[in-house]
């Protein structure tokens, strides 16, 4: 009997940990008949693992690079530009590709009845130093009526999602982008349950 219980946990615990989420308000059933969303991204007040704020993280990382001309500023520039150039496209493409028949899609610059806001709350950038540590991400996805943002259909929080393995890259932006793909993957898994 003990062996059966142990085997159950060994098989199913990775799946459970990979699906860490909490519905903060609303219900995923409310999204059943929606076929397109305008997607927006919010990075305000995000925290980087090990630091009190994003600003403290940037100050630390830039301070370690300011002995090489231009390297500190380039790090900061990439930190912000990676959002639009790497994180957001990875989330959008992965989300849309999970719906092979295009029954649901997200896009940034469209007029849609509903908006999906992806608010990043916490980032662990990972690293490549002798071994590779993938990036991790916590975020809140809120779906609301575009013309009436107070009408929230669902608000769901995902905690410490581990970036997809093939993004174990020396480029920090791509490592973090892999975590946005994982966010899209986990959200579409839940969404598909109600389609």
N, C-alpha and C. Protein backbone atom coordinates (compact mmCIF):
# COMPACT_ATOMS: atom_id res chain seq x y z
N UNK A 1 0.83 -1.20 0.00
CA UNK A 1 0.00 0.00 0.00
C UNK A 1 0.87 1.26 0.00
N UNK A 2 1.90 1.26 0.86
CA UNK A 2 2.80 2.43 0.92
C UNK A 2 3.49 2.64 -0.42
N UNK A 3 3.87 1.54 -1.08
CA UNK A 3 4.52 1.65 -2.38
C UNK A 3 3.58 2.26 -3.42
N UNK A 4 2.30 1.89 -3.36
CA UNK A 4 1.31 2.43 -4.30
C UNK A 4 1.14 3.93 -4.10
N UNK A 5 1.08 4.37 -2.86
CA UNK A 5 0.93 5.80 -2.57
C UNK A 5 2.16 6.56 -3.02
N UNK A 6 3.33 6.01 -2.73
CA UNK A 6 4.58 6.64 -3.16
C UNK A 6 4.65 6.75 -4.68
N UNK A 7 4.28 5.68 -5.37
CA UNK A 7 4.28 5.68 -6.83
C UNK A 7 3.32 6.73 -7.38
N UNK A 8 2.14 6.86 -6.76
CA UNK A 8 1.16 7.87 -7.18
C UNK A 8 1.77 9.27 -7.10
N UNK A 9 2.41 9.59 -5.98
CA UNK A 9 2.99 10.91 -5.81
C UNK A 9 4.17 11.15 -6.75
N UNK A 10 4.96 10.11 -7.01
CA UNK A 10 6.09 10.26 -7.93
C UNK A 10 5.61 10.55 -9.35
N UNK A 11 4.51 9.93 -9.73
CA UNK A 11 3.99 10.12 -11.08
C UNK A 11 3.28 11.46 -11.23
N UNK A 12 2.46 11.81 -10.24
CA UNK A 12 1.59 12.97 -10.41
C UNK A 12 2.11 14.27 -9.79
N UNK A 13 3.08 14.21 -8.90
CA UNK A 13 3.54 15.46 -8.28
C UNK A 13 4.19 16.42 -9.27
N UNK A 14 4.95 15.96 -10.29
CA UNK A 14 5.49 16.93 -11.25
C UNK A 14 4.38 17.66 -12.00
N UNK A 15 3.28 16.92 -12.34
CA UNK A 15 2.17 17.54 -13.05
C UNK A 15 1.50 18.59 -12.17
N UNK A 16 1.28 18.25 -10.92
CA UNK A 16 0.62 19.17 -10.00
C UNK A 16 1.47 20.42 -9.80
N UNK A 17 2.77 20.24 -9.59
CA UNK A 17 3.64 21.41 -9.37
C UNK A 17 3.73 22.26 -10.64
N UNK A 18 3.60 21.63 -11.81
CA UNK A 18 3.67 22.38 -13.05
C UNK A 18 2.40 23.19 -13.30
N UNK A 19 1.36 22.91 -12.58
CA UNK A 19 0.07 23.56 -12.78
C UNK A 19 -0.29 24.50 -11.63
N UNK A 20 0.69 25.08 -10.97
CA UNK A 20 0.42 25.93 -9.81
C UNK A 20 -0.31 27.19 -10.22
N UNK A 21 -1.57 27.28 -9.82
CA UNK A 21 -2.34 28.48 -10.10
C UNK A 21 -3.47 28.61 -9.08
N UNK A 22 -3.96 29.84 -8.95
CA UNK A 22 -5.11 30.11 -8.09
C UNK A 22 -6.04 31.04 -8.84
N UNK A 23 -7.33 30.74 -8.81
CA UNK A 23 -8.33 31.64 -9.37
C UNK A 23 -8.61 32.69 -8.29
N UNK A 24 -8.28 33.94 -8.59
CA UNK A 24 -8.47 35.01 -7.61
C UNK A 24 -9.89 35.57 -7.65
N UNK A 25 -10.50 35.57 -8.84
CA UNK A 25 -11.90 35.98 -8.97
C UNK A 25 -12.43 35.48 -10.31
N UNK A 26 -13.74 35.45 -10.42
CA UNK A 26 -14.37 34.98 -11.65
C UNK A 26 -14.24 33.48 -11.83
N UNK A 27 -14.39 33.04 -13.08
CA UNK A 27 -14.39 31.61 -13.39
C UNK A 27 -13.92 31.41 -14.83
N UNK A 28 -13.11 30.40 -15.05
CA UNK A 28 -12.64 30.10 -16.41
C UNK A 28 -13.80 29.75 -17.34
N UNK A 29 -14.90 29.27 -16.78
CA UNK A 29 -16.08 28.95 -17.60
C UNK A 29 -16.60 30.18 -18.33
N UNK A 30 -16.33 31.36 -17.78
CA UNK A 30 -16.79 32.60 -18.40
C UNK A 30 -16.12 32.86 -19.75
N UNK A 31 -15.03 32.16 -20.04
CA UNK A 31 -14.29 32.37 -21.28
C UNK A 31 -14.70 31.41 -22.39
N UNK A 32 -15.68 30.58 -22.11
CA UNK A 32 -16.03 29.47 -22.99
C UNK A 32 -16.28 29.88 -24.45
N UNK A 33 -17.00 30.94 -24.68
CA UNK A 33 -17.39 31.29 -26.05
C UNK A 33 -16.58 32.44 -26.65
N UNK A 34 -15.46 32.77 -26.06
CA UNK A 34 -14.65 33.88 -26.56
C UNK A 34 -13.59 33.33 -27.52
N UNK A 35 -13.51 33.94 -28.70
CA UNK A 35 -12.59 33.43 -29.72
C UNK A 35 -11.37 34.33 -29.93
N UNK A 36 -11.41 35.58 -29.45
CA UNK A 36 -10.24 36.43 -29.59
C UNK A 36 -10.13 37.42 -28.44
N UNK A 37 -8.89 37.74 -28.13
CA UNK A 37 -8.60 38.67 -27.05
C UNK A 37 -7.55 39.68 -27.52
N UNK A 38 -7.72 40.90 -27.08
CA UNK A 38 -6.63 41.86 -27.17
C UNK A 38 -5.75 41.56 -25.96
N UNK A 39 -4.45 41.36 -26.17
CA UNK A 39 -3.57 41.04 -25.04
C UNK A 39 -2.71 42.25 -24.72
N UNK A 40 -2.62 42.54 -23.43
CA UNK A 40 -1.77 43.62 -22.93
C UNK A 40 -0.84 43.05 -21.88
N UNK A 41 0.27 43.74 -21.66
CA UNK A 41 1.27 43.28 -20.70
C UNK A 41 1.58 44.40 -19.72
N UNK A 42 1.71 44.04 -18.45
CA UNK A 42 1.96 45.02 -17.39
C UNK A 42 3.15 44.53 -16.57
N UNK A 43 4.16 45.38 -16.49
CA UNK A 43 5.38 45.03 -15.73
C UNK A 43 5.57 45.94 -14.52
N UNK A 44 4.56 46.73 -14.19
CA UNK A 44 4.71 47.68 -13.08
C UNK A 44 4.85 46.94 -11.75
N UNK A 45 5.74 47.44 -10.93
CA UNK A 45 5.98 46.91 -9.58
C UNK A 45 6.41 45.45 -9.53
N UNK A 46 7.01 44.96 -10.60
CA UNK A 46 7.46 43.57 -10.54
C UNK A 46 8.69 43.48 -9.63
N UNK A 47 8.88 42.30 -9.08
CA UNK A 47 10.01 42.04 -8.18
C UNK A 47 10.92 41.02 -8.86
N UNK A 48 12.21 41.24 -8.77
CA UNK A 48 13.18 40.28 -9.27
C UNK A 48 13.71 39.49 -8.08
N UNK A 49 13.76 38.20 -8.22
CA UNK A 49 14.17 37.32 -7.12
C UNK A 49 15.46 37.81 -6.46
N UNK A 50 15.41 37.92 -5.12
CA UNK A 50 16.59 38.30 -4.35
C UNK A 50 16.76 39.79 -4.17
N UNK A 51 15.84 40.59 -4.74
CA UNK A 51 15.93 42.05 -4.64
C UNK A 51 14.59 42.62 -4.19
N UNK A 52 14.66 43.79 -3.55
CA UNK A 52 13.43 44.44 -3.09
C UNK A 52 12.61 45.03 -4.21
N UNK A 53 13.28 45.34 -5.32
CA UNK A 53 12.58 45.98 -6.44
C UNK A 53 13.34 45.71 -7.73
N UNK A 54 12.69 46.00 -8.83
CA UNK A 54 13.33 45.90 -10.13
C UNK A 54 14.49 46.89 -10.23
N UNK A 55 14.30 48.07 -9.67
CA UNK A 55 15.35 49.10 -9.70
C UNK A 55 16.61 48.64 -8.96
N UNK A 56 16.42 47.98 -7.81
CA UNK A 56 17.57 47.46 -7.05
C UNK A 56 18.31 46.40 -7.84
N UNK A 57 17.56 45.56 -8.55
CA UNK A 57 18.18 44.53 -9.40
C UNK A 57 19.03 45.18 -10.50
N UNK A 58 18.46 46.16 -11.19
CA UNK A 58 19.18 46.82 -12.27
C UNK A 58 20.41 47.54 -11.75
N UNK A 59 20.30 48.20 -10.60
CA UNK A 59 21.44 48.90 -10.02
C UNK A 59 22.58 47.91 -9.73
N UNK A 60 22.23 46.75 -9.18
CA UNK A 60 23.24 45.74 -8.87
C UNK A 60 23.90 45.21 -10.14
N UNK A 61 23.11 44.83 -11.11
CA UNK A 61 23.65 44.23 -12.34
C UNK A 61 24.43 45.24 -13.16
N UNK A 62 23.97 46.47 -13.19
CA UNK A 62 24.69 47.51 -13.94
C UNK A 62 26.01 47.85 -13.24
N UNK A 63 26.00 47.85 -11.91
CA UNK A 63 27.22 48.13 -11.15
C UNK A 63 28.31 47.11 -11.42
N UNK A 64 27.93 45.87 -11.73
CA UNK A 64 28.90 44.82 -12.03
C UNK A 64 29.44 44.92 -13.46
N UNK A 65 28.82 45.80 -14.26
CA UNK A 65 29.22 45.91 -15.66
C UNK A 65 29.78 47.28 -16.02
N UNK A 66 29.77 48.21 -15.10
CA UNK A 66 30.13 49.57 -15.48
C UNK A 66 31.63 49.79 -15.68
N UNK A 67 32.45 48.76 -15.44
CA UNK A 67 33.88 48.88 -15.72
C UNK A 67 34.19 48.71 -17.22
N UNK A 68 33.19 48.22 -17.98
CA UNK A 68 33.34 48.09 -19.43
C UNK A 68 32.41 49.12 -20.08
N UNK A 69 32.98 50.00 -20.86
CA UNK A 69 32.22 51.11 -21.42
C UNK A 69 30.99 50.63 -22.20
N UNK A 70 29.84 51.18 -21.81
CA UNK A 70 28.59 50.90 -22.49
C UNK A 70 27.89 49.63 -22.08
N UNK A 71 28.57 48.74 -21.36
CA UNK A 71 27.97 47.43 -21.04
C UNK A 71 26.83 47.55 -20.03
N UNK A 72 26.97 48.43 -19.05
CA UNK A 72 25.91 48.59 -18.05
C UNK A 72 24.64 49.13 -18.69
N UNK A 73 24.78 50.15 -19.51
CA UNK A 73 23.61 50.74 -20.18
C UNK A 73 22.98 49.75 -21.15
N UNK A 74 23.80 48.96 -21.81
CA UNK A 74 23.28 47.95 -22.74
C UNK A 74 22.46 46.90 -21.99
N UNK A 75 22.94 46.52 -20.79
CA UNK A 75 22.19 45.56 -19.98
C UNK A 75 20.81 46.12 -19.65
N UNK A 76 20.76 47.36 -19.22
CA UNK A 76 19.49 48.01 -18.87
C UNK A 76 18.58 48.13 -20.10
N UNK A 77 19.16 48.53 -21.21
CA UNK A 77 18.38 48.66 -22.45
C UNK A 77 17.77 47.32 -22.84
N UNK A 78 18.56 46.26 -22.78
CA UNK A 78 18.06 44.92 -23.12
C UNK A 78 16.99 44.46 -22.14
N UNK A 79 17.16 44.78 -20.86
CA UNK A 79 16.20 44.38 -19.84
C UNK A 79 14.80 44.86 -20.22
N UNK A 80 14.72 46.11 -20.67
CA UNK A 80 13.42 46.67 -21.03
C UNK A 80 12.97 46.27 -22.44
N UNK A 81 13.88 46.26 -23.40
CA UNK A 81 13.48 45.94 -24.78
C UNK A 81 13.12 44.47 -24.96
N UNK A 82 13.68 43.58 -24.11
CA UNK A 82 13.35 42.15 -24.20
C UNK A 82 11.86 41.90 -23.98
N UNK A 83 11.19 42.78 -23.29
CA UNK A 83 9.76 42.59 -23.04
C UNK A 83 9.00 42.53 -24.36
N UNK A 84 9.17 43.57 -25.16
CA UNK A 84 8.45 43.64 -26.43
C UNK A 84 9.08 42.74 -27.50
N UNK A 85 10.39 42.57 -27.44
CA UNK A 85 11.08 41.82 -28.49
C UNK A 85 11.13 40.31 -28.26
N UNK A 86 11.05 39.88 -27.00
CA UNK A 86 11.19 38.45 -26.70
C UNK A 86 10.03 37.89 -25.89
N UNK A 87 9.75 38.47 -24.72
CA UNK A 87 8.74 37.88 -23.83
C UNK A 87 7.36 37.83 -24.48
N UNK A 88 6.92 39.00 -24.96
CA UNK A 88 5.55 39.11 -25.47
C UNK A 88 5.33 38.27 -26.72
N UNK A 89 6.25 38.31 -27.71
CA UNK A 89 6.05 37.44 -28.88
C UNK A 89 6.03 35.95 -28.52
N UNK A 90 6.88 35.54 -27.57
CA UNK A 90 6.89 34.13 -27.18
C UNK A 90 5.55 33.73 -26.55
N UNK A 91 5.00 34.59 -25.68
CA UNK A 91 3.71 34.30 -25.06
C UNK A 91 2.63 34.20 -26.13
N UNK A 92 2.56 35.22 -26.99
CA UNK A 92 1.51 35.28 -28.01
C UNK A 92 1.60 34.10 -28.98
N UNK A 93 2.80 33.84 -29.49
CA UNK A 93 2.96 32.74 -30.46
C UNK A 93 2.65 31.39 -29.85
N UNK A 94 3.13 31.17 -28.63
CA UNK A 94 2.86 29.87 -28.00
C UNK A 94 1.37 29.71 -27.75
N UNK A 95 0.73 30.76 -27.24
CA UNK A 95 -0.71 30.71 -26.98
C UNK A 95 -1.46 30.37 -28.26
N UNK A 96 -1.21 31.13 -29.33
CA UNK A 96 -1.94 30.93 -30.58
C UNK A 96 -1.67 29.57 -31.20
N UNK A 97 -0.45 29.08 -31.09
CA UNK A 97 -0.11 27.78 -31.67
C UNK A 97 -0.74 26.60 -30.93
N UNK A 98 -1.14 26.82 -29.69
CA UNK A 98 -1.80 25.75 -28.94
C UNK A 98 -3.23 25.52 -29.43
N UNK A 99 -3.75 26.47 -30.21
CA UNK A 99 -5.08 26.32 -30.80
C UNK A 99 -4.89 26.12 -32.30
N UNK A 100 -4.67 24.87 -32.68
CA UNK A 100 -4.30 24.54 -34.06
C UNK A 100 -5.35 24.94 -35.07
N UNK A 101 -6.62 24.93 -34.67
CA UNK A 101 -7.71 25.30 -35.58
C UNK A 101 -8.09 26.76 -35.46
N UNK A 102 -7.26 27.52 -34.76
CA UNK A 102 -7.46 28.98 -34.60
C UNK A 102 -8.78 29.32 -33.93
N UNK A 103 -9.26 28.39 -33.07
CA UNK A 103 -10.53 28.64 -32.40
C UNK A 103 -10.43 29.75 -31.35
N UNK A 104 -9.23 30.01 -30.87
CA UNK A 104 -8.98 31.12 -29.94
C UNK A 104 -7.65 31.75 -30.35
N UNK A 105 -7.61 33.11 -30.31
CA UNK A 105 -6.35 33.77 -30.61
C UNK A 105 -6.20 35.02 -29.75
N UNK A 106 -4.95 35.42 -29.56
CA UNK A 106 -4.64 36.67 -28.89
C UNK A 106 -3.75 37.50 -29.82
N UNK A 107 -3.89 38.82 -29.72
CA UNK A 107 -3.04 39.73 -30.49
C UNK A 107 -2.98 41.05 -29.74
N UNK A 108 -1.89 41.78 -29.96
CA UNK A 108 -1.70 43.02 -29.22
C UNK A 108 -2.53 44.18 -29.76
N UNK A 109 -2.49 44.42 -31.05
CA UNK A 109 -3.08 45.64 -31.59
C UNK A 109 -4.36 45.35 -32.36
N UNK A 110 -5.34 44.82 -31.67
CA UNK A 110 -6.63 44.56 -32.31
C UNK A 110 -7.75 45.15 -31.46
N UNK A 111 -8.87 45.38 -32.10
CA UNK A 111 -10.09 45.74 -31.37
C UNK A 111 -10.80 44.44 -31.06
N UNK A 112 -10.95 44.14 -29.81
CA UNK A 112 -11.63 42.91 -29.40
C UNK A 112 -12.53 43.24 -28.22
N UNK A 113 -13.59 42.49 -28.10
CA UNK A 113 -14.55 42.73 -27.02
C UNK A 113 -13.92 42.48 -25.66
N UNK A 114 -12.94 41.56 -25.62
CA UNK A 114 -12.32 41.21 -24.34
C UNK A 114 -10.80 41.41 -24.39
N UNK A 115 -10.28 41.82 -23.26
CA UNK A 115 -8.84 42.04 -23.10
C UNK A 115 -8.28 41.02 -22.12
N UNK A 116 -7.11 40.49 -22.45
CA UNK A 116 -6.37 39.61 -21.55
C UNK A 116 -5.12 40.38 -21.11
N UNK A 117 -5.06 40.72 -19.84
CA UNK A 117 -3.91 41.44 -19.32
C UNK A 117 -2.99 40.47 -18.60
N UNK A 118 -1.71 40.48 -18.97
CA UNK A 118 -0.70 39.62 -18.34
C UNK A 118 0.17 40.53 -17.48
N UNK A 119 -0.01 40.43 -16.17
CA UNK A 119 0.77 41.25 -15.24
C UNK A 119 1.86 40.41 -14.60
N UNK A 120 3.09 40.75 -14.89
CA UNK A 120 4.23 40.05 -14.30
C UNK A 120 4.44 40.57 -12.88
N UNK A 121 4.51 39.67 -11.92
CA UNK A 121 4.70 40.07 -10.52
C UNK A 121 6.09 39.72 -9.99
N UNK A 122 6.70 38.67 -10.56
CA UNK A 122 7.99 38.18 -10.04
C UNK A 122 8.76 37.49 -11.16
N UNK A 123 10.06 37.75 -11.24
CA UNK A 123 10.93 37.10 -12.22
C UNK A 123 12.18 36.57 -11.52
N UNK A 124 12.55 35.36 -11.87
CA UNK A 124 13.86 34.81 -11.53
C UNK A 124 14.56 34.59 -12.86
N UNK A 125 15.61 35.38 -13.17
CA UNK A 125 16.21 35.32 -14.51
C UNK A 125 16.96 34.04 -14.84
N UNK A 126 17.29 33.22 -13.84
CA UNK A 126 18.10 32.04 -14.09
C UNK A 126 19.53 32.44 -14.38
N UNK A 127 20.35 31.47 -14.74
CA UNK A 127 21.76 31.78 -15.03
C UNK A 127 22.42 30.62 -15.77
N UNK A 128 23.61 30.92 -16.31
CA UNK A 128 24.46 29.91 -16.94
C UNK A 128 25.86 30.12 -16.38
N UNK A 129 26.19 29.37 -15.35
CA UNK A 129 27.52 29.44 -14.72
C UNK A 129 27.93 28.02 -14.35
N UNK A 130 28.58 27.35 -15.25
CA UNK A 130 28.93 25.95 -15.00
C UNK A 130 27.73 25.04 -15.22
N UNK A 131 26.60 25.40 -14.65
CA UNK A 131 25.35 24.69 -14.92
C UNK A 131 24.31 25.71 -15.33
N UNK A 132 23.23 25.24 -15.88
CA UNK A 132 22.19 26.12 -16.38
C UNK A 132 20.99 26.06 -15.45
N UNK A 133 20.52 27.20 -15.04
CA UNK A 133 19.32 27.31 -14.21
C UNK A 133 18.27 28.06 -15.01
N UNK A 134 17.11 27.44 -15.30
CA UNK A 134 16.09 28.13 -16.10
C UNK A 134 15.47 29.30 -15.36
N UNK A 135 14.92 30.21 -16.13
CA UNK A 135 14.19 31.33 -15.56
C UNK A 135 12.86 30.85 -14.99
N UNK A 136 12.31 31.64 -14.07
CA UNK A 136 11.00 31.36 -13.49
C UNK A 136 10.19 32.64 -13.48
N UNK A 137 8.88 32.48 -13.39
CA UNK A 137 7.99 33.62 -13.54
C UNK A 137 6.73 33.44 -12.71
N UNK A 138 6.27 34.52 -12.10
CA UNK A 138 4.93 34.56 -11.49
C UNK A 138 4.16 35.69 -12.17
N UNK A 139 2.90 35.44 -12.45
CA UNK A 139 2.10 36.45 -13.16
C UNK A 139 0.62 36.27 -12.83
N UNK A 140 -0.12 37.34 -13.06
CA UNK A 140 -1.57 37.31 -12.91
C UNK A 140 -2.17 37.62 -14.28
N UNK A 141 -3.02 36.74 -14.76
CA UNK A 141 -3.74 36.97 -16.02
C UNK A 141 -5.17 37.36 -15.67
N UNK A 142 -5.57 38.52 -16.16
CA UNK A 142 -6.93 39.02 -15.92
C UNK A 142 -7.62 39.20 -17.25
N UNK A 143 -8.81 38.63 -17.39
CA UNK A 143 -9.61 38.81 -18.60
C UNK A 143 -10.81 39.66 -18.23
N UNK A 144 -11.00 40.75 -18.99
CA UNK A 144 -12.10 41.67 -18.70
C UNK A 144 -12.68 42.21 -20.00
N UNK A 145 -13.86 42.79 -19.88
CA UNK A 145 -14.51 43.42 -21.02
C UNK A 145 -13.75 44.70 -21.36
N UNK A 146 -13.32 44.82 -22.59
CA UNK A 146 -12.46 45.95 -22.99
C UNK A 146 -13.09 47.30 -22.69
N UNK A 147 -14.37 47.45 -23.01
CA UNK A 147 -15.06 48.74 -22.81
C UNK A 147 -15.51 48.93 -21.37
N UNK A 148 -15.44 47.89 -20.58
CA UNK A 148 -15.88 47.96 -19.17
C UNK A 148 -14.92 47.14 -18.32
N UNK A 149 -13.71 47.67 -18.04
CA UNK A 149 -12.67 46.90 -17.34
C UNK A 149 -13.08 46.38 -15.96
N UNK A 150 -14.11 46.96 -15.37
CA UNK A 150 -14.57 46.47 -14.07
C UNK A 150 -15.29 45.13 -14.20
N UNK A 151 -15.70 44.80 -15.40
CA UNK A 151 -16.36 43.52 -15.64
C UNK A 151 -15.29 42.46 -15.89
N UNK A 152 -14.77 41.90 -14.79
CA UNK A 152 -13.70 40.89 -14.84
C UNK A 152 -14.33 39.51 -14.97
N UNK A 153 -13.95 38.79 -16.02
CA UNK A 153 -14.47 37.44 -16.23
C UNK A 153 -13.69 36.42 -15.42
N UNK A 154 -12.37 36.60 -15.37
CA UNK A 154 -11.54 35.72 -14.55
C UNK A 154 -10.22 36.43 -14.25
N UNK A 155 -9.71 36.15 -13.06
CA UNK A 155 -8.39 36.64 -12.65
C UNK A 155 -7.68 35.44 -12.05
N UNK A 156 -6.56 35.06 -12.68
CA UNK A 156 -5.89 33.82 -12.29
C UNK A 156 -4.40 34.09 -12.08
N UNK A 157 -3.88 33.56 -10.99
CA UNK A 157 -2.48 33.79 -10.62
C UNK A 157 -1.69 32.51 -10.81
N UNK A 158 -0.57 32.64 -11.51
CA UNK A 158 0.36 31.52 -11.72
C UNK A 158 1.63 31.81 -10.94
N UNK A 159 2.12 30.82 -10.20
CA UNK A 159 3.27 31.00 -9.30
C UNK A 159 4.50 30.23 -9.75
N UNK A 160 5.59 30.94 -9.90
CA UNK A 160 6.93 30.37 -10.09
C UNK A 160 6.98 29.28 -11.16
N UNK A 161 6.47 29.63 -12.34
CA UNK A 161 6.52 28.70 -13.47
C UNK A 161 7.96 28.62 -13.98
N UNK A 162 8.41 27.42 -14.25
CA UNK A 162 9.77 27.19 -14.72
C UNK A 162 9.78 27.27 -16.24
N UNK A 163 10.70 28.07 -16.78
CA UNK A 163 10.79 28.26 -18.23
C UNK A 163 11.00 26.95 -18.98
N UNK A 164 10.51 26.92 -20.20
CA UNK A 164 10.65 25.72 -21.02
C UNK A 164 12.12 25.40 -21.26
N UNK A 165 12.43 24.13 -21.24
CA UNK A 165 13.82 23.66 -21.21
C UNK A 165 14.65 24.10 -22.41
N UNK A 166 14.04 24.17 -23.60
CA UNK A 166 14.87 24.50 -24.75
C UNK A 166 15.28 25.96 -24.77
N UNK A 167 14.80 26.75 -23.83
CA UNK A 167 15.24 28.14 -23.72
C UNK A 167 16.34 28.29 -22.66
N UNK A 168 17.01 27.19 -22.32
CA UNK A 168 18.13 27.26 -21.39
C UNK A 168 19.31 27.84 -22.16
N UNK A 169 19.38 29.13 -22.17
CA UNK A 169 20.21 29.88 -23.08
C UNK A 169 21.08 30.85 -22.29
N UNK A 170 22.24 31.16 -22.80
CA UNK A 170 23.09 32.14 -22.11
C UNK A 170 22.52 33.55 -22.21
N UNK A 171 21.61 33.78 -23.14
CA UNK A 171 20.94 35.06 -23.27
C UNK A 171 19.79 35.12 -22.26
N UNK A 172 19.94 35.98 -21.27
CA UNK A 172 18.94 36.08 -20.20
C UNK A 172 17.54 36.34 -20.75
N UNK A 173 17.42 37.18 -21.77
CA UNK A 173 16.12 37.50 -22.34
C UNK A 173 15.41 36.29 -22.89
N UNK A 174 16.15 35.38 -23.54
CA UNK A 174 15.53 34.17 -24.07
C UNK A 174 15.17 33.20 -22.95
N UNK A 175 15.98 33.16 -21.90
CA UNK A 175 15.62 32.29 -20.76
C UNK A 175 14.29 32.76 -20.17
N UNK A 176 14.18 34.06 -19.95
CA UNK A 176 12.93 34.59 -19.37
C UNK A 176 11.77 34.40 -20.34
N UNK A 177 12.02 34.58 -21.64
CA UNK A 177 10.97 34.37 -22.64
C UNK A 177 10.43 32.94 -22.58
N UNK A 178 11.31 31.98 -22.25
CA UNK A 178 10.86 30.60 -22.08
C UNK A 178 9.86 30.46 -20.95
N UNK A 179 9.98 31.30 -19.92
CA UNK A 179 9.01 31.27 -18.82
C UNK A 179 7.67 31.86 -19.26
N UNK A 180 7.70 32.82 -20.18
CA UNK A 180 6.44 33.35 -20.73
C UNK A 180 5.75 32.31 -21.60
N UNK A 181 6.52 31.51 -22.30
CA UNK A 181 5.92 30.40 -23.04
C UNK A 181 5.27 29.42 -22.08
N UNK A 182 5.94 29.14 -20.97
CA UNK A 182 5.36 28.22 -19.99
C UNK A 182 4.06 28.79 -19.42
N UNK A 183 4.03 30.11 -19.21
CA UNK A 183 2.80 30.76 -18.75
C UNK A 183 1.69 30.56 -19.77
N UNK A 184 1.99 30.78 -21.05
CA UNK A 184 0.99 30.57 -22.10
C UNK A 184 0.54 29.11 -22.12
N UNK A 185 1.49 28.20 -21.98
CA UNK A 185 1.15 26.77 -21.98
C UNK A 185 0.19 26.43 -20.84
N UNK A 186 0.51 26.86 -19.64
CA UNK A 186 -0.32 26.51 -18.49
C UNK A 186 -1.70 27.16 -18.57
N UNK A 187 -1.74 28.39 -19.09
CA UNK A 187 -3.04 29.04 -19.21
C UNK A 187 -3.90 28.36 -20.27
N UNK A 188 -3.31 28.00 -21.41
CA UNK A 188 -4.11 27.35 -22.45
C UNK A 188 -4.58 25.96 -22.01
N UNK A 189 -3.80 25.28 -21.20
CA UNK A 189 -4.25 23.99 -20.67
C UNK A 189 -5.54 24.17 -19.89
N UNK A 190 -5.59 25.20 -19.05
CA UNK A 190 -6.80 25.45 -18.27
C UNK A 190 -7.94 25.91 -19.16
N UNK A 191 -7.65 26.76 -20.12
CA UNK A 191 -8.67 27.30 -21.02
C UNK A 191 -9.32 26.20 -21.85
N UNK A 192 -8.53 25.27 -22.32
CA UNK A 192 -9.04 24.20 -23.17
C UNK A 192 -10.03 23.29 -22.44
N UNK A 193 -9.96 23.28 -21.13
CA UNK A 193 -10.91 22.44 -20.37
C UNK A 193 -12.35 22.91 -20.54
N UNK A 194 -12.53 24.16 -20.97
CA UNK A 194 -13.88 24.73 -21.03
C UNK A 194 -14.32 25.06 -22.46
N UNK A 195 -13.53 24.64 -23.44
CA UNK A 195 -13.92 24.91 -24.85
C UNK A 195 -14.74 23.77 -25.42
